């Protein structure tokens, strides 16, 4: 079964797969290895245009990327 989830807000649309892909790229850009990534939690706030992330149970108020 194939499924997709889109979030629409204020005339914009984001594919949640895109958020996951950006998060993985962020992990790698921070100098980490893909094999060390055990879990990802994403919290998308469309009103801010930000997606907060928690990698392997660790995150902070500064752990976000804009979309």
C-alpha atoms as a PDB file:
ATOM      1  CA  UNK A   1       0.000   0.000   0.000  1.00  0.00           C
ATOM      2  CA  UNK A   2       1.311   3.412  -0.911  1.00  0.00           C
ATOM      3  CA  UNK A   3       0.306   6.376   1.210  1.00  0.00           C
ATOM      4  CA  UNK A   4       1.095  10.072   1.303  1.00  0.00           C
ATOM      5  CA  UNK A   5       0.341  12.765   3.842  1.00  0.00           C
ATOM      6  CA  UNK A   6       0.247  16.434   2.915  1.00  0.00           C
ATOM      7  CA  UNK A   7      -0.156  19.367   5.281  1.00  0.00           C
ATOM      8  CA  UNK A   8      -1.952  22.387   3.858  1.00  0.00           C
ATOM      9  CA  UNK A   9      -1.944  25.738   5.609  1.00  0.00           C
ATOM     10  CA  UNK A  10      -2.288  29.318   4.448  1.00  0.00           C
ATOM     11  CA  UNK A  11      -2.285  28.405   0.784  1.00  0.00           C
ATOM     12  CA  UNK A  12       0.893  26.302   1.074  1.00  0.00           C
ATOM     13  CA  UNK A  13       1.318  22.559   0.943  1.00  0.00           C
ATOM     14  CA  UNK A  14       4.133  20.362   2.233  1.00  0.00           C
ATOM     15  CA  UNK A  15       4.639  16.658   1.721  1.00  0.00           C
ATOM     16  CA  UNK A  16       5.605  14.976   4.983  1.00  0.00           C
ATOM     17  CA  UNK A  17       8.041  12.737   3.075  1.00  0.00           C
ATOM     18  CA  UNK A  18       9.828  15.926   2.040  1.00  0.00           C
ATOM     19  CA  UNK A  19      10.127  16.915   5.713  1.00  0.00           C
ATOM     20  CA  UNK A  20      11.648  13.526   6.516  1.00  0.00           C
ATOM     21  CA  UNK A  21      14.127  13.825   3.628  1.00  0.00           C
ATOM     22  CA  UNK A  22      15.199  17.302   4.778  1.00  0.00           C
ATOM     23  CA  UNK A  23      15.621  16.022   8.335  1.00  0.00           C
ATOM     24  CA  UNK A  24      17.896  13.205   7.157  1.00  0.00           C
ATOM     25  CA  UNK A  25      19.978  15.665   5.127  1.00  0.00           C
ATOM     26  CA  UNK A  26      20.203  17.924   8.197  1.00  0.00           C
ATOM     27  CA  UNK A  27      21.495  14.977  10.236  1.00  0.00           C
ATOM     28  CA  UNK A  28      24.207  14.324   7.660  1.00  0.00           C
ATOM     29  CA  UNK A  29      25.055  18.036   7.311  1.00  0.00           C
ATOM     30  CA  UNK A  30      25.699  18.135  11.063  1.00  0.00           C
ATOM     31  CA  UNK A  31      28.530  15.635  10.493  1.00  0.00           C
ATOM     32  CA  UNK A  32      26.681  12.496  11.530  1.00  0.00           C
ATOM     33  CA  UNK A  33      26.586   9.113   9.833  1.00  0.00           C
ATOM     34  CA  UNK A  34      23.284   7.720   8.514  1.00  0.00           C
ATOM     35  CA  UNK A  35      23.905   4.384  10.262  1.00  0.00           C
ATOM     36  CA  UNK A  36      23.931   6.218  13.626  1.00  0.00           C
ATOM     37  CA  UNK A  37      20.436   7.660  13.153  1.00  0.00           C
ATOM     38  CA  UNK A  38      18.087   5.450  15.171  1.00  0.00           C
ATOM     39  CA  UNK A  39      14.981   7.648  15.441  1.00  0.00           C
ATOM     40  CA  UNK A  40      13.535  10.890  14.101  1.00  0.00           C
ATOM     41  CA  UNK A  41      10.661  12.856  15.585  1.00  0.00           C
ATOM     42  CA  UNK A  42       9.347  15.807  13.562  1.00  0.00           C
ATOM     43  CA  UNK A  43       7.080  18.608  14.756  1.00  0.00           C
ATOM     44  CA  UNK A  44       5.954  20.796  11.863  1.00  0.00           C
ATOM     45  CA  UNK A  45       4.566  24.236  12.729  1.00  0.00           C
ATOM     46  CA  UNK A  46       3.083  25.592   9.490  1.00  0.00           C
ATOM     47  CA  UNK A  47       2.253  28.965  11.039  1.00  0.00           C
ATOM     48  CA  UNK A  48       6.007  29.468  11.607  1.00  0.00           C
ATOM     49  CA  UNK A  49       7.218  27.644   8.499  1.00  0.00           C
ATOM     50  CA  UNK A  50       9.500  25.590  10.760  1.00  0.00           C
ATOM     51  CA  UNK A  51       9.958  21.905  11.369  1.00  0.00           C
ATOM     52  CA  UNK A  52      11.491  21.025  14.727  1.00  0.00           C
ATOM     53  CA  UNK A  53      13.363  17.737  14.974  1.00  0.00           C
ATOM     54  CA  UNK A  54      14.547  15.318  17.620  1.00  0.00           C
ATOM     55  CA  UNK A  55      17.259  12.887  16.547  1.00  0.00           C
ATOM     56  CA  UNK A  56      17.805   9.789  18.682  1.00  0.00           C
ATOM     57  CA  UNK A  57      15.820  11.355  21.514  1.00  0.00           C
ATOM     58  CA  UNK A  58      17.850  14.580  21.576  1.00  0.00           C
ATOM     59  CA  UNK A  59      16.760  18.018  20.436  1.00  0.00           C
ATOM     60  CA  UNK A  60      16.484  21.635  21.549  1.00  0.00           C
ATOM     61  CA  UNK A  61      14.650  24.842  20.764  1.00  0.00           C
ATOM     62  CA  UNK A  62      17.342  25.495  18.135  1.00  0.00           C
ATOM     63  CA  UNK A  63      16.795  22.124  16.418  1.00  0.00           C
ATOM     64  CA  UNK A  64      14.710  23.136  13.421  1.00  0.00           C
ATOM     65  CA  UNK A  65      14.805  23.835   9.725  1.00  0.00           C
ATOM     66  CA  UNK A  66      12.592  26.151   7.710  1.00  0.00           C
ATOM     67  CA  UNK A  67      10.365  25.068   4.851  1.00  0.00           C
END
